[in-house]
Structures are given as structure tokens and as C-alpha cells.
């Protein structure tokens, strides 16, 4: 699966995509956003190699296909 790049909001460096994870708590907050196959919201996890900041965002549409 191709991942869209992300720039660190703290230092502007390109962040590294490390993982995709299922956030079950986000599904409790917004049940309509939950993916039926996962039972939660699929999110991309990024870290900045420059400053160490961690960012998460919803995975791209169609990522579970």
C-alpha cells in the first residue's frame, strides 16, 4: 500500500511511516468512521527522524482493500 508523505509539524522534516494500526477508541468516538472489517479506525503512524515527534492520521481511503 502506498502511503502519502507527511512533514513534521514541529520541525518540517519528512517523517517516516512506521505502521498502520487499528484505533478502537476512535471507533467509539465516531462509530460511522469505523471499518467493519477491523472494528475500528485504521490509522497511519509516523515518526520524525529529526526531532522524534510522533503523528497519527486516518489511513488513505481504500487502504483496507
Foldseek 3Di string as FASTA:
>chain_A
DDFDWDADPVPRHTWDWDDKDFDQVQCVVPVVQADPVVNGFIKIWTAHPPPGDIDIDGGDPPPVD
